[in-house]
């Protein structure tokens, strides 16, 4: 699978997608206009340790809803991501059987290396 879940209004996501120099065949899904399905989040979860890894604790709603003070379960993380796109740590890059989550330099560099490996 070659797919990127991102937000088209996010400058960081746009910069990373340009930086990755994606080859043909990549599917881009703007999670604001095309929300994530339960099947899609389960596919992502299968490639990482937990739903928490996919969850953005930097989201404005995280603080507004007081989630920082709550003890969230794996199911809570999953449900919040499905409920509102802002809770997905972006971008999420799926390449073959690998997943790259977030926008850290190390993550982006690893994704670029994997995508362009010969």
PDB file of N, CA and C in Angstrom:
ATOM      1  N   UNK A   1       0.827  -1.186   0.000  1.00  0.00           N
ATOM      2  CA  UNK A   1       0.000   0.000   0.000  1.00  0.00           C
ATOM      3  C   UNK A   1       0.873   1.252   0.000  1.00  0.00           C
ATOM      4  N   UNK A   2       0.485   2.201  -0.785  1.00  0.00           N
ATOM      5  CA  UNK A   2       1.196   3.476  -0.856  1.00  0.00           C
ATOM      6  C   UNK A   2       0.162   4.566  -0.645  1.00  0.00           C
ATOM      7  N   UNK A   3       0.103   5.065   0.591  1.00  0.00           N
ATOM      8  CA  UNK A   3      -0.942   6.025   0.920  1.00  0.00           C
ATOM      9  C   UNK A   3      -0.445   7.015   1.954  1.00  0.00           C
ATOM     10  N   UNK A   4      -0.959   8.237   1.848  1.00  0.00           N
ATOM     11  CA  UNK A   4      -0.642   9.264   2.834  1.00  0.00           C
ATOM     12  C   UNK A   4      -1.950   9.880   3.328  1.00  0.00           C
ATOM     13  N   UNK A   5      -2.111   9.867   4.639  1.00  0.00           N
ATOM     14  CA  UNK A   5      -3.218  10.560   5.279  1.00  0.00           C
ATOM     15  C   UNK A   5      -2.660  11.900   5.741  1.00  0.00           C
ATOM     16  N   UNK A   6      -3.281  12.985   5.303  1.00  0.00           N
ATOM     17  CA  UNK A   6      -2.742  14.310   5.588  1.00  0.00           C
ATOM     18  C   UNK A   6      -3.873  15.326   5.644  1.00  0.00           C
ATOM     19  N   UNK A   7      -3.506  16.561   5.907  1.00  0.00           N
ATOM     20  CA  UNK A   7      -4.447  17.666   5.923  1.00  0.00           C
ATOM     21  C   UNK A   7      -3.964  18.678   4.894  1.00  0.00           C
ATOM     22  N   UNK A   8      -4.790  18.959   3.890  1.00  0.00           N
ATOM     23  CA  UNK A   8      -4.361  19.851   2.803  1.00  0.00           C
ATOM     24  C   UNK A   8      -4.151  21.288   3.282  1.00  0.00           C
ATOM     25  N   UNK A   9      -4.784  21.646   4.386  1.00  0.00           N
ATOM     26  CA  UNK A   9      -4.630  23.003   4.914  1.00  0.00           C
ATOM     27  C   UNK A   9      -3.418  23.141   5.837  1.00  0.00           C
ATOM     28  N   UNK A  10      -2.694  22.051   6.033  1.00  0.00           N
ATOM     29  CA  UNK A  10      -1.529  22.059   6.921  1.00  0.00           C
ATOM     30  C   UNK A  10      -0.254  22.284   6.100  1.00  0.00           C
ATOM     31  N   UNK A  11       0.413  23.397   6.364  1.00  0.00           N
ATOM     32  CA  UNK A  11       1.637  23.716   5.627  1.00  0.00           C
ATOM     33  C   UNK A  11       2.726  22.679   5.848  1.00  0.00           C
ATOM     34  N   UNK A  12       2.798  22.137   7.047  1.00  0.00           N
ATOM     35  CA  UNK A  12       3.810  21.119   7.349  1.00  0.00           C
ATOM     36  C   UNK A  12       3.563  19.868   6.515  1.00  0.00           C
ATOM     37  N   UNK A  13       2.327  19.418   6.429  1.00  0.00           N
ATOM     38  CA  UNK A  13       2.000  18.240   5.609  1.00  0.00           C
ATOM     39  C   UNK A  13       2.361  18.481   4.146  1.00  0.00           C
ATOM     40  N   UNK A  14       1.990  19.644   3.638  1.00  0.00           N
ATOM     41  CA  UNK A  14       2.274  19.982   2.237  1.00  0.00           C
ATOM     42  C   UNK A  14       3.784  19.990   1.983  1.00  0.00           C
ATOM     43  N   UNK A  15       4.544  20.593   2.910  1.00  0.00           N
ATOM     44  CA  UNK A  15       6.002  20.644   2.765  1.00  0.00           C
ATOM     45  C   UNK A  15       6.598  19.237   2.749  1.00  0.00           C
ATOM     46  N   UNK A  16       6.125  18.386   3.655  1.00  0.00           N
ATOM     47  CA  UNK A  16       6.651  17.018   3.743  1.00  0.00           C
ATOM     48  C   UNK A  16       6.330  16.239   2.467  1.00  0.00           C
ATOM     49  N   UNK A  17       5.122  16.349   1.972  1.00  0.00           N
ATOM     50  CA  UNK A  17       4.739  15.633   0.742  1.00  0.00           C
ATOM     51  C   UNK A  17       5.629  16.078  -0.415  1.00  0.00           C
ATOM     52  N   UNK A  18       5.894  17.368  -0.517  1.00  0.00           N
ATOM     53  CA  UNK A  18       6.797  17.868  -1.570  1.00  0.00           C
ATOM     54  C   UNK A  18       8.217  17.345  -1.364  1.00  0.00           C
ATOM     55  N   UNK A  19       8.664  17.335  -0.123  1.00  0.00           N
ATOM     56  CA  UNK A  19      10.012  16.877   0.210  1.00  0.00           C
ATOM     57  C   UNK A  19      10.206  15.388  -0.104  1.00  0.00           C
ATOM     58  N   UNK A  20       9.138  14.609   0.015  1.00  0.00           N
ATOM     59  CA  UNK A  20       9.239  13.165  -0.213  1.00  0.00           C
ATOM     60  C   UNK A  20       9.423  12.799  -1.684  1.00  0.00           C
ATOM     61  N   UNK A  21       9.108  13.731  -2.594  1.00  0.00           N
ATOM     62  CA  UNK A  21       9.237  13.463  -4.042  1.00  0.00           C
ATOM     63  C   UNK A  21       8.605  12.113  -4.368  1.00  0.00           C
ATOM     64  N   UNK A  22       7.310  12.027  -4.143  1.00  0.00           N
ATOM     65  CA  UNK A  22       6.584  10.761  -4.273  1.00  0.00           C
ATOM     66  C   UNK A  22       6.579  10.219  -5.699  1.00  0.00           C
ATOM     67  N   UNK A  23       6.859   8.939  -5.847  1.00  0.00           N
ATOM     68  CA  UNK A  23       6.743   8.309  -7.160  1.00  0.00           C
ATOM     69  C   UNK A  23       5.270   8.079  -7.505  1.00  0.00           C
ATOM     70  N   UNK A  24       5.016   7.662  -8.728  1.00  0.00           N
ATOM     71  CA  UNK A  24       3.648   7.357  -9.169  1.00  0.00           C
ATOM     72  C   UNK A  24       3.041   6.298  -8.255  1.00  0.00           C
ATOM     73  N   UNK A  25       1.729   6.328  -8.152  1.00  0.00           N
ATOM     74  CA  UNK A  25       1.045   5.261  -7.439  1.00  0.00           C
ATOM     75  C   UNK A  25       0.687   5.569  -6.003  1.00  0.00           C
ATOM     76  N   UNK A  26       1.099   6.716  -5.493  1.00  0.00           N
ATOM     77  CA  UNK A  26       0.736   7.084  -4.128  1.00  0.00           C
ATOM     78  C   UNK A  26      -0.660   7.682  -4.112  1.00  0.00           C
ATOM     79  N   UNK A  27      -1.439   7.276  -3.124  1.00  0.00           N
ATOM     80  CA  UNK A  27      -2.779   7.816  -2.949  1.00  0.00           C
ATOM     81  C   UNK A  27      -2.729   8.788  -1.776  1.00  0.00           C
ATOM     82  N   UNK A  28      -3.264   9.988  -1.983  1.00  0.00           N
ATOM     83  CA  UNK A  28      -3.312  10.982  -0.920  1.00  0.00           C
ATOM     84  C   UNK A  28      -4.750  11.112  -0.441  1.00  0.00           C
ATOM     85  N   UNK A  29      -4.929  11.097   0.872  1.00  0.00           N
ATOM     86  CA  UNK A  29      -6.272  11.263   1.435  1.00  0.00           C
ATOM     87  C   UNK A  29      -6.271  12.440   2.388  1.00  0.00           C
ATOM     88  N   UNK A  30      -6.991  13.496   1.996  1.00  0.00           N
ATOM     89  CA  UNK A  30      -7.158  14.663   2.854  1.00  0.00           C
ATOM     90  C   UNK A  30      -8.198  14.288   3.909  1.00  0.00           C
ATOM     91  N   UNK A  31      -7.758  14.135   5.143  1.00  0.00           N
ATOM     92  CA  UNK A  31      -8.637  13.608   6.188  1.00  0.00           C
ATOM     93  C   UNK A  31      -9.727  14.586   6.615  1.00  0.00           C
ATOM     94  N   UNK A  32      -9.627  15.831   6.176  1.00  0.00           N
ATOM     95  CA  UNK A  32     -10.682  16.790   6.490  1.00  0.00           C
ATOM     96  C   UNK A  32     -11.864  16.616   5.542  1.00  0.00           C
ATOM     97  N   UNK A  33     -11.586  16.377   4.280  1.00  0.00           N
ATOM     98  CA  UNK A  33     -12.659  16.227   3.290  1.00  0.00           C
ATOM     99  C   UNK A  33     -13.083  14.776   3.109  1.00  0.00           C
ATOM    100  N   UNK A  34     -12.201  13.844   3.454  1.00  0.00           N
ATOM    101  CA  UNK A  34     -12.511  12.419   3.350  1.00  0.00           C
ATOM    102  C   UNK A  34     -12.103  11.749   4.666  1.00  0.00           C
ATOM    103  N   UNK A  35     -13.001  11.751   5.642  1.00  0.00           N
ATOM    104  CA  UNK A  35     -12.662  11.226   6.982  1.00  0.00           C
ATOM    105  C   UNK A  35     -12.165   9.776   6.956  1.00  0.00           C
ATOM    106  N   UNK A  36     -11.364   9.466   7.954  1.00  0.00           N
ATOM    107  CA  UNK A  36     -10.813   8.125   8.113  1.00  0.00           C
ATOM    108  C   UNK A  36     -11.936   7.165   8.512  1.00  0.00           C
ATOM    109  N   UNK A  37     -11.917   5.984   7.935  1.00  0.00           N
ATOM    110  CA  UNK A  37     -12.895   4.960   8.293  1.00  0.00           C
ATOM    111  C   UNK A  37     -12.316   4.067   9.391  1.00  0.00           C
ATOM    112  N   UNK A  38     -13.181   3.301  10.010  1.00  0.00           N
ATOM    113  CA  UNK A  38     -12.722   2.377  11.043  1.00  0.00           C
ATOM    114  C   UNK A  38     -11.764   1.348  10.454  1.00  0.00           C
ATOM    115  N   UNK A  39     -12.051   0.887   9.250  1.00  0.00           N
ATOM    116  CA  UNK A  39     -11.165  -0.081   8.592  1.00  0.00           C
ATOM    117  C   UNK A  39      -9.782   0.530   8.358  1.00  0.00           C
ATOM    118  N   UNK A  40      -9.733   1.782   7.935  1.00  0.00           N
ATOM    119  CA  UNK A  40      -8.443   2.433   7.689  1.00  0.00           C
ATOM    120  C   UNK A  40      -7.633   2.589   8.967  1.00  0.00           C
ATOM    121  N   UNK A  41      -8.282   2.983  10.054  1.00  0.00           N
ATOM    122  CA  UNK A  41      -7.517   3.159  11.298  1.00  0.00           C
ATOM    123  C   UNK A  41      -7.042   1.808  11.822  1.00  0.00           C
ATOM    124  N   UNK A  42      -7.822   0.767  11.587  1.00  0.00           N
ATOM    125  CA  UNK A  42      -7.392  -0.566  12.008  1.00  0.00           C
ATOM    126  C   UNK A  42      -6.204  -1.048  11.167  1.00  0.00           C
ATOM    127  N   UNK A  43      -6.174  -0.683   9.887  1.00  0.00           N
ATOM    128  CA  UNK A  43      -5.010  -1.004   9.042  1.00  0.00           C
ATOM    129  C   UNK A  43      -3.770  -0.292   9.567  1.00  0.00           C
ATOM    130  N   UNK A  44      -3.923   0.970   9.946  1.00  0.00           N
ATOM    131  CA  UNK A  44      -2.793   1.727  10.499  1.00  0.00           C
ATOM    132  C   UNK A  44      -2.342   1.098  11.816  1.00  0.00           C
ATOM    133  N   UNK A  45      -3.309   0.759  12.662  1.00  0.00           N
ATOM    134  CA  UNK A  45      -3.005   0.181  13.975  1.00  0.00           C
ATOM    135  C   UNK A  45      -2.243  -1.134  13.836  1.00  0.00           C
ATOM    136  N   UNK A  46      -2.557  -1.905  12.807  1.00  0.00           N
ATOM    137  CA  UNK A  46      -1.885  -3.185  12.599  1.00  0.00           C
ATOM    138  C   UNK A  46      -0.387  -3.001  12.331  1.00  0.00           C
ATOM    139  N   UNK A  47       0.008  -1.810  11.894  1.00  0.00           N
ATOM    140  CA  UNK A  47       1.409  -1.548  11.563  1.00  0.00           C
ATOM    141  C   UNK A  47       2.174  -0.824  12.678  1.00  0.00           C
ATOM    142  N   UNK A  48       1.495  -0.496  13.768  1.00  0.00           N
ATOM    143  CA  UNK A  48       2.162   0.201  14.868  1.00  0.00           C
ATOM    144  C   UNK A  48       1.758  -0.438  16.201  1.00  0.00           C
ATOM    145  N   UNK A  49       2.344   0.031  17.277  1.00  0.00           N
ATOM    146  CA  UNK A  49       2.146  -0.595  18.582  1.00  0.00           C
ATOM    147  C   UNK A  49       0.795  -0.308  19.226  1.00  0.00           C
ATOM    148  N   UNK A  50       0.226   0.865  18.917  1.00  0.00           N
ATOM    149  CA  UNK A  50      -1.002   1.247  19.618  1.00  0.00           C
ATOM    150  C   UNK A  50      -1.718   2.372  18.885  1.00  0.00           C
ATOM    151  N   UNK A  51      -2.976   2.579  19.235  1.00  0.00           N
ATOM    152  CA  UNK A  51      -3.714   3.728  18.708  1.00  0.00           C
ATOM    153  C   UNK A  51      -3.114   5.022  19.258  1.00  0.00           C
ATOM    154  N   UNK A  52      -2.549   4.932  20.442  1.00  0.00           N
ATOM    155  CA  UNK A  52      -1.936   6.127  21.044  1.00  0.00           C
ATOM    156  C   UNK A  52      -0.814   6.672  20.158  1.00  0.00           C
ATOM    157  N   UNK A  53      -0.084   5.786  19.472  1.00  0.00           N
ATOM    158  CA  UNK A  53       0.973   6.239  18.570  1.00  0.00           C
ATOM    159  C   UNK A  53       0.417   7.080  17.413  1.00  0.00           C
ATOM    160  N   UNK A  54      -0.839   6.838  17.055  1.00  0.00           N
ATOM    161  CA  UNK A  54      -1.484   7.573  15.962  1.00  0.00           C
ATOM    162  C   UNK A  54      -2.160   8.857  16.442  1.00  0.00           C
ATOM    163  N   UNK A  55      -2.223   9.037  17.742  1.00  0.00           N
ATOM    164  CA  UNK A  55      -2.988  10.123  18.353  1.00  0.00           C
ATOM    165  C   UNK A  55      -2.116  11.348  18.575  1.00  0.00           C
ATOM    166  N   UNK A  56      -2.626  12.511  18.182  1.00  0.00           N
ATOM    167  CA  UNK A  56      -1.888  13.759  18.369  1.00  0.00           C
ATOM    168  C   UNK A  56      -2.279  14.417  19.690  1.00  0.00           C
ATOM    169  N   UNK A  57      -1.335  14.480  20.587  1.00  0.00           N
ATOM    170  CA  UNK A  57      -1.575  15.158  21.856  1.00  0.00           C
ATOM    171  C   UNK A  57      -1.303  16.660  21.734  1.00  0.00           C
ATOM    172  N   UNK A  58      -0.957  17.084  20.531  1.00  0.00           N
ATOM    173  CA  UNK A  58      -0.729  18.504  20.277  1.00  0.00           C
ATOM    174  C   UNK A  58      -1.976  19.174  19.705  1.00  0.00           C
ATOM    175  N   UNK A  59      -3.002  18.373  19.451  1.00  0.00           N
ATOM    176  CA  UNK A  59      -4.246  18.909  18.887  1.00  0.00           C
ATOM    177  C   UNK A  59      -4.886  19.893  19.872  1.00  0.00           C
ATOM    178  N   UNK A  60      -5.401  20.983  19.329  1.00  0.00           N
ATOM    179  CA  UNK A  60      -6.044  22.004  20.148  1.00  0.00           C
ATOM    180  C   UNK A  60      -7.191  21.403  20.969  1.00  0.00           C
ATOM    181  N   UNK A  61      -7.969  20.530  20.347  1.00  0.00           N
ATOM    182  CA  UNK A  61      -9.105  19.908  21.037  1.00  0.00           C
ATOM    183  C   UNK A  61      -8.666  19.036  22.215  1.00  0.00           C
ATOM    184  N   UNK A  62      -7.462  18.510  22.152  1.00  0.00           N
ATOM    185  CA  UNK A  62      -6.942  17.672  23.240  1.00  0.00           C
ATOM    186  C   UNK A  62      -6.947  18.469  24.546  1.00  0.00           C
ATOM    187  N   UNK A  63      -6.486  19.712  24.454  1.00  0.00           N
ATOM    188  CA  UNK A  63      -6.458  20.577  25.637  1.00  0.00           C
ATOM    189  C   UNK A  63      -7.853  21.093  25.957  1.00  0.00           C
ATOM    190  N   UNK A  64      -8.600  21.513  24.922  1.00  0.00           N
ATOM    191  CA  UNK A  64      -9.941  22.083  25.128  1.00  0.00           C
ATOM    192  C   UNK A  64     -10.891  21.108  25.804  1.00  0.00           C
ATOM    193  N   UNK A  65     -10.790  19.829  25.453  1.00  0.00           N
ATOM    194  CA  UNK A  65     -11.683  18.822  26.034  1.00  0.00           C
ATOM    195  C   UNK A  65     -11.167  18.271  27.363  1.00  0.00           C
ATOM    196  N   UNK A  66     -10.005  18.768  27.789  1.00  0.00           N
ATOM    197  CA  UNK A  66      -9.441  18.331  29.062  1.00  0.00           C
ATOM    198  C   UNK A  66      -8.957  16.891  29.044  1.00  0.00           C
ATOM    199  N   UNK A  67      -8.593  16.392  27.858  1.00  0.00           N
ATOM    200  CA  UNK A  67      -8.186  14.987  27.746  1.00  0.00           C
ATOM    201  C   UNK A  67      -6.847  14.721  28.425  1.00  0.00           C
ATOM    202  N   UNK A  68      -6.049  15.779  28.570  1.00  0.00           N
ATOM    203  CA  UNK A  68      -4.737  15.636  29.208  1.00  0.00           C
ATOM    204  C   UNK A  68      -4.883  15.133  30.648  1.00  0.00           C
ATOM    205  N   UNK A  69      -5.980  15.536  31.291  1.00  0.00           N
ATOM    206  CA  UNK A  69      -6.204  15.154  32.686  1.00  0.00           C
ATOM    207  C   UNK A  69      -6.855  13.780  32.815  1.00  0.00           C
ATOM    208  N   UNK A  70      -7.287  13.212  31.705  1.00  0.00           N
ATOM    209  CA  UNK A  70      -7.975  11.919  31.750  1.00  0.00           C
ATOM    210  C   UNK A  70      -7.018  10.791  31.396  1.00  0.00           C
ATOM    211  N   UNK A  71      -7.342   9.617  31.878  1.00  0.00           N
ATOM    212  CA  UNK A  71      -6.580   8.421  31.522  1.00  0.00           C
ATOM    213  C   UNK A  71      -7.327   7.747  30.369  1.00  0.00           C
ATOM    214  N   UNK A  72      -6.776   7.861  29.174  1.00  0.00           N
ATOM    215  CA  UNK A  72      -7.451   7.352  27.981  1.00  0.00           C
ATOM    216  C   UNK A  72      -7.031   5.917  27.673  1.00  0.00           C
ATOM    217  N   UNK A  73      -8.006   5.111  27.277  1.00  0.00           N
ATOM    218  CA  UNK A  73      -7.728   3.726  26.876  1.00  0.00           C
ATOM    219  C   UNK A  73      -7.420   3.685  25.382  1.00  0.00           C
ATOM    220  N   UNK A  74      -6.962   2.539  24.919  1.00  0.00           N
ATOM    221  CA  UNK A  74      -6.712   2.356  23.484  1.00  0.00           C
ATOM    222  C   UNK A  74      -7.985   2.636  22.686  1.00  0.00           C
ATOM    223  N   UNK A  75      -9.111   2.173  23.207  1.00  0.00           N
ATOM    224  CA  UNK A  75     -10.390   2.384  22.531  1.00  0.00           C
ATOM    225  C   UNK A  75     -10.740   3.873  22.477  1.00  0.00           C
ATOM    226  N   UNK A  76     -10.413   4.608  23.545  1.00  0.00           N
ATOM    227  CA  UNK A  76     -10.653   6.055  23.569  1.00  0.00           C
ATOM    228  C   UNK A  76      -9.841   6.744  22.475  1.00  0.00           C
ATOM    229  N   UNK A  77      -8.554   6.388  22.364  1.00  0.00           N
ATOM    230  CA  UNK A  77      -7.705   6.993  21.337  1.00  0.00           C
ATOM    231  C   UNK A  77      -8.296   6.736  19.950  1.00  0.00           C
ATOM    232  N   UNK A  78      -8.690   5.502  19.703  1.00  0.00           N
ATOM    233  CA  UNK A  78      -9.281   5.126  18.412  1.00  0.00           C
ATOM    234  C   UNK A  78     -10.542   5.940  18.135  1.00  0.00           C
ATOM    235  N   UNK A  79     -11.432   6.008  19.114  1.00  0.00           N
ATOM    236  CA  UNK A  79     -12.698   6.706  18.928  1.00  0.00           C
ATOM    237  C   UNK A  79     -12.513   8.202  18.709  1.00  0.00           C
ATOM    238  N   UNK A  80     -11.583   8.824  19.431  1.00  0.00           N
ATOM    239  CA  UNK A  80     -11.336  10.255  19.223  1.00  0.00           C
ATOM    240  C   UNK A  80     -10.783  10.520  17.821  1.00  0.00           C
ATOM    241  N   UNK A  81      -9.896   9.657  17.347  1.00  0.00           N
ATOM    242  CA  UNK A  81      -9.353   9.825  15.994  1.00  0.00           C
ATOM    243  C   UNK A  81     -10.470   9.699  14.961  1.00  0.00           C
ATOM    244  N   UNK A  82     -11.346   8.736  15.150  1.00  0.00           N
ATOM    245  CA  UNK A  82     -12.465   8.558  14.215  1.00  0.00           C
ATOM    246  C   UNK A  82     -13.467   9.715  14.303  1.00  0.00           C
ATOM    247  N   UNK A  83     -13.601  10.290  15.487  1.00  0.00           N
ATOM    248  CA  UNK A  83     -14.567  11.355  15.720  1.00  0.00           C
ATOM    249  C   UNK A  83     -14.134  12.677  15.082  1.00  0.00           C
ATOM    250  N   UNK A  84     -12.842  12.994  15.143  1.00  0.00           N
ATOM    251  CA  UNK A  84     -12.378  14.280  14.627  1.00  0.00           C
ATOM    252  C   UNK A  84     -10.971  14.154  14.049  1.00  0.00           C
ATOM    253  N   UNK A  85     -10.811  14.612  12.826  1.00  0.00           N
ATOM    254  CA  UNK A  85      -9.536  14.476  12.110  1.00  0.00           C
ATOM    255  C   UNK A  85      -8.350  15.099  12.831  1.00  0.00           C
ATOM    256  N   UNK A  86      -8.597  16.102  13.653  1.00  0.00           N
ATOM    257  CA  UNK A  86      -7.496  16.793  14.301  1.00  0.00           C
ATOM    258  C   UNK A  86      -6.704  15.884  15.245  1.00  0.00           C
ATOM    259  N   UNK A  87      -7.310  14.767  15.666  1.00  0.00           N
ATOM    260  CA  UNK A  87      -6.633  13.872  16.607  1.00  0.00           C
ATOM    261  C   UNK A  87      -5.656  12.901  15.940  1.00  0.00           C
ATOM    262  N   UNK A  88      -5.636  12.852  14.620  1.00  0.00           N
ATOM    263  CA  UNK A  88      -4.662  11.979  13.953  1.00  0.00           C
ATOM    264  C   UNK A  88      -3.335  12.716  13.838  1.00  0.00           C
ATOM    265  N   UNK A  89      -2.271  12.094  14.315  1.00  0.00           N
ATOM    266  CA  UNK A  89      -0.934  12.674  14.184  1.00  0.00           C
ATOM    267  C   UNK A  89      -0.591  12.633  12.696  1.00  0.00           C
ATOM    268  N   UNK A  90      -0.234  13.779  12.139  1.00  0.00           N
ATOM    269  CA  UNK A  90      -0.068  13.865  10.683  1.00  0.00           C
ATOM    270  C   UNK A  90       1.342  14.251  10.280  1.00  0.00           C
ATOM    271  N   UNK A  91       1.690  13.874   9.049  1.00  0.00           N
ATOM    272  CA  UNK A  91       0.985  12.938   8.177  1.00  0.00           C
ATOM    273  C   UNK A  91       1.242  11.493   8.606  1.00  0.00           C
ATOM    274  N   UNK A  92       0.385  10.601   8.131  1.00  0.00           N
ATOM    275  CA  UNK A  92       0.619   9.162   8.302  1.00  0.00           C
ATOM    276  C   UNK A  92       0.923   8.627   6.913  1.00  0.00           C
ATOM    277  N   UNK A  93       2.104   8.055   6.774  1.00  0.00           N
ATOM    278  CA  UNK A  93       2.559   7.540   5.480  1.00  0.00           C
ATOM    279  C   UNK A  93       2.600   6.022   5.558  1.00  0.00           C
ATOM    280  N   UNK A  94       1.845   5.388   4.670  1.00  0.00           N
ATOM    281  CA  UNK A  94       1.868   3.930   4.569  1.00  0.00           C
ATOM    282  C   UNK A  94       2.616   3.587   3.290  1.00  0.00           C
ATOM    283  N   UNK A  95       3.653   2.796   3.443  1.00  0.00           N
ATOM    284  CA  UNK A  95       4.436   2.385   2.282  1.00  0.00           C
ATOM    285  C   UNK A  95       4.746   0.905   2.428  1.00  0.00           C
ATOM    286  N   UNK A  96       4.171   0.116   1.523  1.00  0.00           N
ATOM    287  CA  UNK A  96       4.264  -1.338   1.606  1.00  0.00           C
ATOM    288  C   UNK A  96       3.786  -1.776   2.991  1.00  0.00           C
ATOM    289  N   UNK A  97       4.601  -2.413   3.773  1.00  0.00           N
ATOM    290  CA  UNK A  97       4.165  -2.847   5.107  1.00  0.00           C
ATOM    291  C   UNK A  97       4.761  -1.989   6.209  1.00  0.00           C
ATOM    292  N   UNK A  98       5.124  -0.754   5.869  1.00  0.00           N
ATOM    293  CA  UNK A  98       5.722   0.147   6.854  1.00  0.00           C
ATOM    294  C   UNK A  98       4.787   1.326   7.099  1.00  0.00           C
ATOM    295  N   UNK A  99       4.885   1.886   8.297  1.00  0.00           N
ATOM    296  CA  UNK A  99       4.102   3.071   8.630  1.00  0.00           C
ATOM    297  C   UNK A  99       5.039   4.122   9.213  1.00  0.00           C
ATOM    298  N   UNK A 100       4.819   5.363   8.815  1.00  0.00           N
ATOM    299  CA  UNK A 100       5.599   6.490   9.305  1.00  0.00           C
ATOM    300  C   UNK A 100       4.583   7.509   9.813  1.00  0.00           C
ATOM    301  N   UNK A 101       4.676   7.845  11.095  1.00  0.00           N
ATOM    302  CA  UNK A 101       3.662   8.668  11.743  1.00  0.00           C
ATOM    303  C   UNK A 101       4.276   9.973  12.231  1.00  0.00           C
ATOM    304  N   UNK A 102       3.694  11.084  11.796  1.00  0.00           N
ATOM    305  CA  UNK A 102       4.108  12.384  12.305  1.00  0.00           C
ATOM    306  C   UNK A 102       5.098  13.096  11.418  1.00  0.00           C
ATOM    307  N   UNK A 103       5.568  14.244  11.924  1.00  0.00           N
ATOM    308  CA  UNK A 103       6.379  15.124  11.096  1.00  0.00           C
ATOM    309  C   UNK A 103       7.787  15.379  11.623  1.00  0.00           C
ATOM    310  N   UNK A 104       8.271  14.508  12.501  1.00  0.00           N
ATOM    311  CA  UNK A 104       9.646  14.712  12.985  1.00  0.00           C
ATOM    312  C   UNK A 104      10.624  14.501  11.835  1.00  0.00           C
ATOM    313  N   UNK A 105      11.753  15.176  11.912  1.00  0.00           N
ATOM    314  CA  UNK A 105      12.767  15.057  10.847  1.00  0.00           C
ATOM    315  C   UNK A 105      13.183  13.605  10.646  1.00  0.00           C
ATOM    316  N   UNK A 106      13.347  12.881  11.750  1.00  0.00           N
ATOM    317  CA  UNK A 106      13.772  11.483  11.685  1.00  0.00           C
ATOM    318  C   UNK A 106      12.727  10.627  10.964  1.00  0.00           C
ATOM    319  N   UNK A 107      11.453  10.840  11.277  1.00  0.00           N
ATOM    320  CA  UNK A 107      10.367  10.087  10.649  1.00  0.00           C
ATOM    321  C   UNK A 107      10.303  10.370   9.152  1.00  0.00           C
ATOM    322  N   UNK A 108      10.381  11.640   8.786  1.00  0.00           N
ATOM    323  CA  UNK A 108      10.319  12.037   7.375  1.00  0.00           C
ATOM    324  C   UNK A 108      11.521  11.471   6.614  1.00  0.00           C
ATOM    325  N   UNK A 109      12.702  11.543   7.219  1.00  0.00           N
ATOM    326  CA  UNK A 109      13.903  11.007   6.571  1.00  0.00           C
ATOM    327  C   UNK A 109      13.776   9.492   6.375  1.00  0.00           C
ATOM    328  N   UNK A 110      13.261   8.792   7.371  1.00  0.00           N
ATOM    329  CA  UNK A 110      13.077   7.338   7.254  1.00  0.00           C
ATOM    330  C   UNK A 110      12.087   7.005   6.147  1.00  0.00           C
ATOM    331  N   UNK A 111      11.012   7.757   6.063  1.00  0.00           N
ATOM    332  CA  UNK A 111      10.003   7.526   5.021  1.00  0.00           C
ATOM    333  C   UNK A 111      10.610   7.756   3.643  1.00  0.00           C
ATOM    334  N   UNK A 112      11.360   8.825   3.504  1.00  0.00           N
ATOM    335  CA  UNK A 112      11.974   9.153   2.206  1.00  0.00           C
ATOM    336  C   UNK A 112      12.960   8.065   1.795  1.00  0.00           C
ATOM    337  N   UNK A 113      13.752   7.581   2.752  1.00  0.00           N
ATOM    338  CA  UNK A 113      14.704   6.504   2.474  1.00  0.00           C
ATOM    339  C   UNK A 113      13.973   5.239   2.006  1.00  0.00           C
ATOM    340  N   UNK A 114      12.914   4.882   2.709  1.00  0.00           N
ATOM    341  CA  UNK A 114      12.149   3.675   2.353  1.00  0.00           C
ATOM    342  C   UNK A 114      11.504   3.801   0.972  1.00  0.00           C
ATOM    343  N   UNK A 115      10.913   4.952   0.704  1.00  0.00           N
ATOM    344  CA  UNK A 115      10.215   5.174  -0.558  1.00  0.00           C
ATOM    345  C   UNK A 115      11.164   5.142  -1.745  1.00  0.00           C
ATOM    346  N   UNK A 116      12.369   5.663  -1.559  1.00  0.00           N
ATOM    347  CA  UNK A 116      13.304   5.767  -2.675  1.00  0.00           C
ATOM    348  C   UNK A 116      14.388   4.688  -2.689  1.00  0.00           C
ATOM    349  N   UNK A 117      14.277   3.698  -1.806  1.00  0.00           N
ATOM    350  CA  UNK A 117      15.245   2.598  -1.797  1.00  0.00           C
ATOM    351  C   UNK A 117      15.109   1.793  -3.089  1.00  0.00           C
ATOM    352  N   UNK A 118      16.221   1.446  -3.652  1.00  0.00           N
ATOM    353  CA  UNK A 118      16.207   0.672  -4.912  1.00  0.00           C
ATOM    354  C   UNK A 118      16.257  -0.797  -4.605  1.00  0.00           C
TER     355      UNK A 118
END
